[in-house]
Protein backbone atom coordinates (compact mmCIF):
# COMPACT_ATOMS: atom_id res chain seq x y z
CA MET A 1 97.30 170.45 130.29
CA ALA A 2 96.56 169.70 126.87
CA ALA A 3 99.66 169.63 124.51
CA GLU A 4 97.71 171.71 121.71
CA ASN A 5 96.77 174.47 124.17
CA LEU A 6 100.58 175.00 125.60
CA PRO A 7 101.75 177.07 122.53
CA GLU A 8 98.70 179.58 122.82
CA LEU A 9 99.47 179.58 126.85
CA VAL A 10 103.28 180.25 126.28
CA LEU A 11 102.14 183.19 123.91
CA LYS A 12 99.97 184.77 126.41
CA GLN A 13 102.84 184.64 129.09
CA VAL A 14 105.08 186.40 126.38
CA ASP A 15 102.45 188.95 125.84
CA LYS A 16 102.00 189.63 129.65
CA TYR A 17 105.80 189.78 130.45
CA GLU A 18 107.37 190.80 126.97
CA SER A 19 110.15 188.20 127.39
CA VAL A 20 110.14 185.08 129.59
CA ASP A 21 112.63 182.03 130.33
CA SER A 22 111.67 178.49 129.38
CA ASN A 23 112.24 177.33 132.88
CA VAL A 24 109.97 180.30 134.48
CA LEU A 25 107.36 179.16 131.90
CA ALA A 26 107.56 175.45 133.08
CA ALA A 27 106.99 176.36 136.73
CA VAL A 28 104.36 178.96 136.17
CA LEU A 29 102.40 176.70 133.63
CA GLU A 30 103.11 173.70 136.10
CA THR A 31 104.31 171.53 133.17
CA ASP A 32 107.62 169.63 132.39
CA HIS A 33 110.33 171.82 130.93
CA GLN A 34 110.66 169.29 127.78
CA ASN A 35 106.90 170.25 127.07
CA ILE A 36 107.57 173.88 126.98
CA ILE A 37 110.60 173.39 124.80
CA GLY A 38 108.41 171.63 122.32
CA ALA A 39 105.79 174.31 122.29
CA ILE A 40 108.50 176.85 121.60
CA LYS A 41 109.83 174.82 118.80
CA SER A 42 106.36 174.67 117.26
CA LEU A 43 106.02 178.61 117.59
CA GLN A 44 109.59 179.07 115.62
CA CYS A 45 107.69 177.48 112.74
CA HIS A 46 105.81 180.51 112.49
CA GLU A 47 108.13 183.27 110.83
CA GLY A 48 108.35 186.25 112.86
CA LEU A 49 106.16 185.31 115.61
CA VAL A 50 108.74 184.98 118.39
CA GLU A 51 112.52 185.35 118.97
CA VAL A 52 114.25 182.70 120.86
CA GLU A 53 117.54 182.74 122.28
CA GLN A 54 119.33 179.67 124.09
CA ARG A 55 120.66 180.42 127.29
CA CYS A 56 123.09 178.44 129.38
CA SER A 57 123.38 178.90 133.45
CA LYS A 58 124.74 177.34 136.39
CA LYS A 59 123.08 176.18 139.28
CA TRP A 60 123.93 174.38 142.74
CA LEU A 61 121.65 171.49 143.59
CA LEU A 62 121.61 169.21 146.79
CA THR A 63 122.16 165.50 146.32
CA ASP A 64 120.21 163.00 147.96
CA GLU A 65 122.50 162.69 150.70
CA GLY A 66 122.65 166.57 151.16
CA LYS A 67 119.13 166.57 151.15
CA GLN A 68 119.16 163.93 154.22
CA LEU A 69 121.58 166.13 156.04
CA LEU A 70 119.44 169.04 155.71
CA ARG A 71 116.84 166.92 157.25
CA GLU A 72 118.41 165.10 160.02
CA GLY A 73 121.73 167.45 160.71
CA SER A 74 125.44 166.97 159.54
CA TYR A 75 127.46 164.04 160.72
CA GLU A 76 129.98 166.28 162.49
CA TYR A 77 126.99 168.31 164.34
CA ASN A 78 125.23 165.08 165.48
CA ILE A 79 128.62 163.85 166.81
CA TYR A 80 128.92 167.12 168.89
CA LYS A 81 125.50 166.71 170.17
CA LEU A 82 126.37 162.95 171.30
CA VAL A 83 129.06 164.23 173.52
CA PRO A 84 127.77 165.01 177.12
CA HIS A 85 129.39 167.75 179.29
CA GLU A 86 131.21 165.05 181.36
CA GLY A 87 132.62 163.69 178.32
CA ILE A 88 132.24 160.09 176.63
CA SER A 89 134.64 157.43 175.64
CA GLN A 90 135.54 157.62 172.23
CA ALA A 91 134.54 153.59 171.73
CA ARG A 92 131.14 154.51 173.08
CA LEU A 93 130.71 157.70 170.90
CA MET A 94 131.80 155.65 167.44
CA LYS A 95 129.62 153.01 168.19
CA ILE A 96 126.24 154.88 168.74
CA ALA A 97 126.74 157.78 166.11
CA ILE A 98 125.75 157.48 162.36
CA ASN A 99 128.60 157.80 160.08
CA ALA A 100 130.80 158.06 162.85
CA LYS A 101 134.12 158.19 161.26
CA ILE A 102 133.07 161.04 159.03
CA GLY A 103 131.36 163.06 161.49
CA PHE A 104 134.21 162.31 164.11
CA SER A 105 136.93 163.34 161.48
CA LYS A 106 134.96 166.68 160.85
CA ALA A 107 134.25 167.49 164.32
CA MET A 108 137.91 167.26 164.99
CA SER A 109 139.13 169.21 162.06
CA ASN A 110 136.45 172.01 163.04
CA LYS A 111 137.93 171.80 166.90
CA TRP A 112 134.44 171.33 168.04
CA ILE A 113 135.67 168.25 170.06
CA ARG A 114 138.83 167.10 171.59
CA VAL A 115 140.38 163.72 172.64
CA ASP A 116 142.06 163.08 176.25
CA LYS A 117 143.96 159.92 176.29
CA SER A 118 145.49 160.45 179.69
CA GLY A 119 143.18 157.99 181.43
CA ASN A 120 142.42 154.09 181.07
CA MET A 121 140.50 154.71 177.68
CA PRO A 122 140.45 157.92 175.29
CA MET A 123 137.69 160.32 176.07
CA VAL A 124 135.80 162.66 173.92
CA PHE A 125 134.91 166.30 175.21
CA ARG A 126 133.29 169.39 173.85
CA ASN A 127 135.58 172.05 172.84
CA MET A 128 132.83 174.73 172.93
CA GLU A 129 129.31 175.12 174.27
CA ILE A 130 127.37 177.12 171.76
CA LEU A 131 127.66 175.96 168.16
CA GLU A 132 125.28 176.20 165.06
CA ASP A 133 125.39 173.47 162.32
CA GLU A 134 126.76 175.63 159.59
CA THR A 135 126.59 172.72 157.00
CA VAL A 136 122.86 172.68 157.38
CA LYS A 137 122.82 176.34 156.99
CA ASP A 138 124.72 176.14 153.81
CA LEU A 139 122.57 173.14 152.42
CA ASP A 140 119.89 175.40 153.13
CA LEU A 141 120.96 178.31 151.10
CA ILE A 142 121.45 176.01 148.18
CA GLN A 143 117.88 174.41 148.47
CA CYS A 144 116.27 178.04 148.68
CA SER A 145 118.47 178.94 145.50
CA LYS A 146 120.93 181.32 147.31
CA SER A 147 124.09 179.50 146.68
CA ASP A 148 125.54 183.05 145.72
CA LEU A 149 125.57 183.70 149.46
CA VAL A 150 127.31 180.68 150.18
CA ARG A 151 131.46 181.06 149.78
CA ASP A 152 133.18 179.21 147.03
CA ARG A 153 135.42 177.35 149.20
CA VAL A 154 132.47 175.93 151.29
CA LEU A 155 130.68 175.25 147.86
CA ASN A 156 133.84 173.11 146.64
CA GLU A 157 134.01 171.30 150.12
CA LEU A 158 130.40 170.44 149.93
CA LYS A 159 131.06 169.38 146.40
CA LYS A 160 133.86 167.13 147.47
CA ARG A 161 131.79 165.43 150.03
CA LYS A 162 129.09 164.96 147.42
CA LEU A 163 126.35 166.74 149.50
CA ALA A 164 125.92 169.38 146.36
CA THR A 165 126.61 169.27 142.61
CA GLU A 166 126.93 171.97 139.98
CA VAL A 167 124.65 171.43 137.09
CA VAL A 168 124.54 173.47 134.13
CA MET A 169 120.85 174.38 133.08
CA LYS A 170 119.89 174.85 129.68
CA SER A 171 116.77 177.13 128.59
CA LEU A 172 115.29 179.05 125.73
CA PHE A 173 114.73 182.84 126.33
CA VAL A 174 111.59 183.91 124.51
CA LYS A 175 110.27 187.33 123.48
CA LYS A 176 107.81 188.93 120.97
CA GLY A 177 108.59 188.65 117.10
CA GLU A 178 107.98 191.44 114.44
CA LYS A 179 104.75 189.38 113.51
CA PHE A 180 103.89 188.38 117.15
CA THR A 181 100.03 187.59 117.74
CA LYS A 182 98.27 186.01 120.62
CA LYS A 183 96.16 184.03 118.57
CA LEU A 184 97.81 181.18 116.12
CA GLU A 185 96.27 180.57 112.84
CA LYS A 186 97.55 178.36 110.54
CA PRO A 187 98.66 179.85 107.11
CA VAL A 188 96.37 178.70 104.33
CA THR A 189 98.41 177.18 101.73
CA ASP A 190 95.77 177.08 98.73
CA LEU A 191 93.51 179.36 96.98
CA THR A 192 90.10 177.88 96.54
CA THR A 193 87.15 178.73 94.35
CA GLN A 194 84.89 179.29 97.33
CA MET A 195 87.75 181.99 98.85
CA ILE A 196 87.37 183.61 95.30
CA GLN A 197 83.71 183.80 95.14
CA ASP A 198 83.07 185.11 98.77
CA TYR A 199 86.05 187.46 98.73
CA SER A 200 87.47 185.69 101.96
CA TRP A 201 90.73 185.39 100.21
CA GLN A 202 91.49 188.98 101.31
CA THR A 203 91.45 188.30 104.94
CA LYS A 204 93.26 184.98 105.00
CA ASN A 205 96.87 184.73 105.99
CA PHE A 206 98.55 182.90 103.15
CA LYS A 207 101.85 180.75 103.40
CA ASP A 208 104.51 182.11 101.21
CA TYR A 209 105.65 180.05 98.71
CA ASN A 210 109.62 178.89 98.68
CA TYR A 211 110.50 178.84 95.20
CA ASN A 212 113.96 177.67 96.02
CA ALA A 213 112.89 174.40 97.48
CA MET A 214 114.06 171.18 96.32
CA GLY A 215 111.34 168.83 95.40
CA VAL A 216 110.57 166.08 97.71
CA PHE A 217 112.65 162.79 96.36
CA PRO A 218 110.27 159.73 95.79
CA ALA A 219 110.95 157.02 98.11
CA ALA A 220 112.97 154.21 96.52
CA GLY A 221 115.80 151.70 96.99
CA HIS A 222 119.17 152.28 96.78
CA LEU A 223 122.02 149.81 95.44
CA HIS A 224 125.00 149.27 97.87
CA PRO A 225 128.28 150.59 96.41
CA LEU A 226 129.58 147.23 96.15
CA MET A 227 126.68 146.01 93.75
CA LYS A 228 127.66 148.87 91.79
CA VAL A 229 131.01 148.03 91.52
CA ARG A 230 130.34 144.48 90.79
CA SER A 231 127.76 145.64 87.58
CA ALA A 232 130.98 148.00 86.42
CA TYR A 233 133.18 144.75 86.64
CA ARG A 234 130.58 142.73 84.88
CA GLN A 235 130.30 145.41 81.99
CA ILE A 236 134.10 145.30 81.73
CA PHE A 237 134.20 141.60 81.33
CA LEU A 238 131.65 141.72 78.88
CA GLU A 239 133.13 144.44 76.74
CA MET A 240 136.17 142.64 76.91
CA GLY A 241 134.68 139.49 75.32
CA PHE A 242 134.31 137.36 78.36
CA THR A 243 131.53 134.78 79.03
CA GLU A 244 129.95 134.69 82.65
CA MET A 245 130.60 131.39 84.41
CA PRO A 246 127.59 129.86 86.60
CA THR A 247 128.57 130.21 90.13
CA ASN A 248 125.29 129.12 92.05
CA ASN A 249 127.04 126.09 94.22
CA PHE A 250 128.28 127.88 97.33
CA VAL A 251 129.11 124.08 98.79
CA GLU A 252 131.88 122.37 96.93
CA SER A 253 133.73 119.08 97.36
CA ALA A 254 137.16 119.32 98.30
CA PHE A 255 137.88 117.31 95.04
CA TRP A 256 136.80 120.57 92.77
CA ASN A 257 137.96 123.05 95.40
CA PHE A 258 141.57 121.85 96.24
CA ASP A 259 142.29 118.40 94.38
CA ALA A 260 141.60 119.29 90.70
CA LEU A 261 143.71 122.40 91.32
CA PHE A 262 146.70 120.24 92.04
CA GLN A 263 146.47 121.51 95.90
CA PRO A 264 148.11 118.57 98.17
CA GLN A 265 146.01 117.31 100.83
CA GLN A 266 147.96 118.32 103.43
CA HIS A 267 148.26 121.93 102.49
CA PRO A 268 147.54 124.26 105.47
CA ALA A 269 144.58 125.71 103.59
CA ARG A 270 142.40 122.47 103.71
CA ASP A 271 142.67 122.70 107.59
CA ALA A 272 139.79 123.64 109.62
CA HIS A 273 141.40 127.01 110.68
CA ASP A 274 141.07 128.03 107.15
CA THR A 275 138.05 126.43 105.54
CA PHE A 276 134.63 125.89 106.77
CA PHE A 277 133.57 122.47 106.40
CA THR A 278 129.90 121.34 106.08
CA SER A 279 128.49 118.58 108.17
CA ASN A 280 125.18 117.78 106.40
CA PRO A 281 125.78 116.73 103.89
CA SER A 282 129.32 116.07 104.76
CA ILE A 283 130.68 114.35 101.64
CA SER A 284 130.17 114.13 97.69
CA THR A 285 130.48 110.91 95.92
CA ASN A 286 129.32 112.25 92.50
CA LEU A 287 132.80 112.75 91.01
CA PRO A 288 133.90 111.98 87.38
CA PRO A 289 135.73 108.45 87.87
CA THR A 290 138.22 108.69 85.14
CA TYR A 291 139.17 112.10 85.86
CA LEU A 292 139.24 111.34 89.69
CA GLU A 293 142.32 108.58 88.87
CA ARG A 294 144.27 110.91 86.67
CA VAL A 295 144.13 113.50 89.48
CA LYS A 296 145.16 110.80 92.02
CA ALA A 297 147.91 109.72 89.73
CA VAL A 298 149.28 113.13 89.28
CA HIS A 299 149.26 113.97 93.07
CA SER A 300 150.99 110.76 94.14
CA LYS A 301 153.12 109.70 91.46
CA GLY A 302 153.49 112.94 89.25
CA GLY A 303 153.15 113.14 85.54
CA PHE A 304 153.53 115.48 82.33
CA GLY A 305 156.85 116.24 83.34
CA SER A 306 156.05 116.62 87.22
CA LYS A 307 157.05 114.36 90.24
CA GLY A 308 153.73 115.07 91.96
CA TYR A 309 153.72 115.50 95.85
CA ARG A 310 154.76 111.71 96.54
CA TYR A 311 152.23 110.81 99.14
CA ASP A 312 149.26 108.56 99.75
CA TRP A 313 146.05 110.62 98.00
CA LYS A 314 142.95 109.63 99.72
CA VAL A 315 139.53 109.72 97.94
CA GLU A 316 138.00 110.34 101.28
CA GLU A 317 139.78 113.59 101.74
CA ALA A 318 138.49 114.54 98.12
CA GLN A 319 134.79 113.82 98.93
CA LYS A 320 134.69 116.31 101.78
CA ASN A 321 132.24 119.25 101.40
CA VAL A 322 133.56 122.81 101.89
CA LEU A 323 132.06 126.08 101.58
CA ARG A 324 134.22 127.08 98.69
CA THR A 325 137.18 129.17 99.32
CA HIS A 326 137.74 130.46 95.78
CA THR A 327 135.71 130.76 92.58
CA THR A 328 138.71 129.03 90.70
CA ALA A 329 136.78 125.64 91.61
CA VAL A 330 134.09 126.97 89.11
CA SER A 331 136.98 127.54 86.87
CA ALA A 332 138.22 124.06 87.05
CA ARG A 333 134.79 122.62 86.25
CA MET A 334 134.30 124.80 83.35
CA LEU A 335 137.93 123.67 81.85
CA TYR A 336 136.83 120.25 82.59
CA MET A 337 133.80 120.50 80.72
CA LEU A 338 135.93 122.28 77.92
CA ALA A 339 138.32 119.42 77.67
CA GLN A 340 135.25 117.14 77.00
CA GLN A 341 134.52 118.77 73.78
CA PRO A 342 135.74 116.97 70.58
CA VAL A 343 137.25 120.15 69.30
CA PHE A 344 139.27 122.59 71.27
CA LYS A 345 137.73 126.01 71.04
CA PRO A 346 139.32 129.08 72.86
CA VAL A 347 137.55 130.66 75.57
CA LYS A 348 137.34 133.76 78.06
CA TYR A 349 135.54 133.34 81.15
CA PHE A 350 134.84 135.43 84.15
CA SER A 351 132.58 135.11 87.45
CA ILE A 352 131.92 137.39 90.41
CA ASP A 353 130.57 135.92 93.46
CA ARG A 354 130.77 134.99 97.35
CA VAL A 355 133.61 132.83 98.69
CA PHE A 356 134.27 131.69 102.16
CA ARG A 357 137.33 131.54 104.39
CA ASN A 358 138.15 131.14 108.15
CA GLU A 359 139.81 134.46 108.54
CA THR A 360 140.62 136.60 111.61
CA LEU A 361 138.43 139.78 111.00
CA ASP A 362 140.53 143.04 110.42
CA ALA A 363 140.34 146.20 108.69
CA THR A 364 140.93 144.42 105.24
CA HIS A 365 139.67 140.92 105.85
CA LEU A 366 136.34 139.23 106.44
CA ALA A 367 135.20 135.75 106.49
CA GLU A 368 132.89 136.00 103.39
CA PHE A 369 133.66 138.06 100.69
CA HIS A 370 133.37 138.46 96.74
CA GLN A 371 135.97 137.17 94.41
CA VAL A 372 136.19 138.48 90.78
CA GLU A 373 137.77 135.47 88.49
CA GLY A 374 139.06 135.70 85.03
CA VAL A 375 140.32 132.78 82.66
CA VAL A 376 141.75 132.73 79.35
CA ALA A 377 142.35 129.55 77.81
CA ASP A 378 144.11 129.20 74.33
CA ARG A 379 147.31 128.07 72.48
CA SER A 380 150.26 129.78 73.40
CA VAL A 381 148.99 132.69 75.93
CA THR A 382 151.76 133.70 78.17
CA LEU A 383 152.40 135.58 81.36
CA GLY A 384 153.02 138.84 79.25
CA ASP A 385 149.05 138.51 78.01
CA LEU A 386 148.15 138.10 81.45
CA VAL A 387 149.85 141.36 82.58
CA GLY A 388 148.39 143.30 79.77
CA ILE A 389 144.86 141.86 80.32
CA LEU A 390 145.10 143.03 84.10
CA TYR A 391 146.45 146.46 83.14
CA GLU A 392 143.55 146.84 80.82
CA PHE A 393 140.94 145.77 83.09
CA PHE A 394 142.34 148.01 85.88
CA HIS A 395 142.49 150.88 83.36
CA LYS A 396 139.15 150.66 82.72
CA LEU A 397 138.00 151.04 86.32
CA GLY A 398 140.39 154.23 86.59
CA MET A 399 142.91 152.51 88.75
CA GLU A 400 146.47 153.12 87.23
CA LYS A 401 148.86 152.61 90.17
CA LEU A 402 149.57 148.79 89.98
CA ARG A 403 152.26 146.48 91.02
CA PHE A 404 153.14 142.74 90.46
CA LYS A 405 155.06 140.54 92.83
CA PRO A 406 156.25 137.07 92.33
CA ALA A 407 154.13 134.35 94.35
CA TYR A 408 153.72 130.54 94.77
CA ASN A 409 150.31 128.91 93.95
CA PRO A 410 149.87 125.35 94.29
CA TYR A 411 148.20 125.51 90.80
CA THR A 412 149.85 128.24 88.75
CA GLU A 413 153.18 128.44 87.94
CA PRO A 414 154.56 131.48 87.11
CA SER A 415 152.42 133.15 89.83
CA MET A 416 152.12 137.02 90.62
CA GLU A 417 150.30 138.83 93.35
CA ILE A 418 148.56 142.15 92.39
CA PHE A 419 148.73 145.11 94.35
CA GLY A 420 146.75 148.42 94.22
CA TYR A 421 147.93 151.81 95.81
CA HIS A 422 145.08 152.75 98.63
CA GLU A 423 145.08 156.70 98.75
CA GLY A 424 143.11 156.32 102.13
CA LEU A 425 145.64 154.13 103.72
CA LYS A 426 148.48 155.51 102.11
CA LYS A 427 150.00 151.96 101.18
CA TRP A 428 149.80 149.44 98.64
CA VAL A 429 147.05 146.79 99.32
CA GLU A 430 147.20 143.31 97.95
CA ILE A 431 143.93 143.18 95.40
CA GLY A 432 144.39 139.85 93.60
CA ASN A 433 146.36 136.87 92.72
CA SER A 434 147.16 135.55 89.14
CA GLY A 435 149.15 133.14 87.24
CA VAL A 436 149.46 130.49 84.61
CA PHE A 437 147.99 127.28 85.35
CA ARG A 438 150.18 124.24 85.89
CA PRO A 439 150.17 121.15 83.49
CA GLU A 440 149.64 119.05 86.57
CA MET A 441 146.15 120.78 86.73
CA LEU A 442 145.33 121.14 83.04
CA ARG A 443 146.56 117.64 81.47
CA PRO A 444 144.51 115.28 83.68
CA MET A 445 141.43 117.17 82.55
CA GLY A 446 142.38 116.21 78.72
CA LEU A 447 143.12 119.66 77.48
CA PRO A 448 145.80 119.65 74.53
CA GLU A 449 149.51 120.11 75.38
CA ASP A 450 149.63 123.20 73.44
CA VAL A 451 146.97 124.82 75.18
CA ASN A 452 147.77 127.43 77.99
CA VAL A 453 145.49 129.03 80.59
CA ILE A 454 146.04 132.21 82.31
CA ALA A 455 143.86 133.10 85.25
CA TRP A 456 143.41 135.78 88.08
CA GLY A 457 141.41 136.26 91.18
CA LEU A 458 140.66 139.76 92.45
CA SER A 459 138.88 141.15 95.38
CA LEU A 460 135.85 143.01 95.02
CA GLU A 461 135.79 144.94 98.22
CA ARG A 462 139.26 146.10 98.35
CA PRO A 463 139.30 148.10 94.88
CA THR A 464 135.57 149.42 95.93
CA MET A 465 137.57 150.43 99.45
CA ILE A 466 140.46 152.45 97.27
CA LYS A 467 138.05 154.01 94.86
CA LEU A 468 135.75 155.36 97.88
CA GLN A 469 138.87 155.87 100.28
CA ILE A 470 137.35 153.38 102.92
CA ASP A 471 139.91 152.40 105.29
CA ASN A 472 138.03 149.53 107.17
CA ILE A 473 136.23 146.91 105.25
CA ARG A 474 133.53 146.75 108.19
CA ASN A 475 132.33 150.35 107.24
CA LEU A 476 131.61 148.61 103.63
CA VAL A 477 129.89 145.16 104.55
CA GLY A 478 128.26 144.34 107.85
CA HIS A 479 126.32 145.89 110.69
CA LYS A 480 128.52 148.89 110.95
CA VAL A 481 127.83 150.32 107.34
CA ASP A 482 126.54 154.01 107.42
CA LEU A 483 122.98 154.11 105.33
CA GLU A 484 123.76 157.19 104.15
CA MET A 485 127.33 156.27 102.53
CA VAL A 486 124.60 154.03 100.38
CA TYR A 487 122.14 156.75 99.88
CA GLU A 488 124.92 159.31 98.69
CA SER A 489 127.26 156.97 96.90
CA PRO A 490 127.30 157.94 93.10
CA ILE A 491 125.24 156.12 90.56
CA CYS A 492 128.34 154.44 89.04
CA ALA A 493 131.00 154.15 91.80
CA MET A 494 133.99 153.25 89.30
CA ASP A 495 135.46 155.90 86.65
CA ILE A 496 134.93 153.35 83.83
CA ASN A 497 137.29 154.76 80.76
CA MET A 498 135.38 153.34 77.60
């Protein structure tokens, strides 16, 4: 049956019977019920043509095993038929019967047979001579859609035996609407010159215009909320007079990632459980030789008022390549380049890019994430300047609830962890780390002794989660992201206070 003719065939049935059920339509028109549902849905697009009501009804159906018993007889009745008038040994009966255990148990329960154990072996005898297969009679009534003639107790027993099952039948009840017609005519959407000239517009059925309908949105791409927040961060940094650092090298040598930051070679962060090491290329040899020797000296012997770590520093460890664990490696390169200038000039740097750590994934951690780095190098800058800059930075983001906690970092002293209050999680969440770079890091670079450097590293993902009230980072980044969230997120995700 052609699908395009089905809606008109449905209309003819509705015209004939005034109202009809979709299941009946499927049977009369000899087609699948889903095809009928589709035809009715298409008729609903024509305003006032039909009225449709959804209905639910319960129906009993036979299972495959129930249909088998309807053909071959119930297990208990077949057991009964196998018992002759003179009786049969129980062992023999159980051997020749199909599904003997079930049939024997039911036949005994119905008192159709009895067992005599007085002889050498148990014998089975009939308890009655005239008997009907009641189970088959009940199954036949269900098959003929007459389950209302079967007692509820029997229906429950058949369901328990998995011979019948009760299903919910959903259907659509269709009746004539106020604009009912047997012939479908597609409404005309445009008034043409020809219609005006031949007056045919007078007999045309024009489609009503919906003046309240929204216009069709043009197809366009959408920025991910994380990128919107990144743009907001970048704009704030630029407004505060910072210069963006180049961050295009995801692979760094352990020298710039760890050693230049006065992080010892035995530090747990340099273990494979915390850091991703690359195999090709596995090492870097293009390291500044003079600076490398000064870094080696401050690690192994100390200097600039420090005792160092007092261990045998190895260049082989420094040459290993890693996926950078923080963008502070970029800051180290920039500060080293600054120290090589003939005259020191105060600078304010920032960067926003990806870093990689061998983390265990959970609601707030991923193995790949973004770090926001800020660095200020000037004479006599202090921890108070750092706190003030952070408050101003987050104030521009619309985040007022901040806390600072003393911490330890190999390359900053003093150090502070930064916490922001997460309205979704209803708790304080760590969003960054900060501190004043140690002399053991700065002086080997060649920076003047009166120059201090304050720095901070922030997460991009966690403040975004706080602002958007997302409690699981995997709903922000990765394959579980809801695209509707991306489409519907505001143009600017941050309430920036200028």
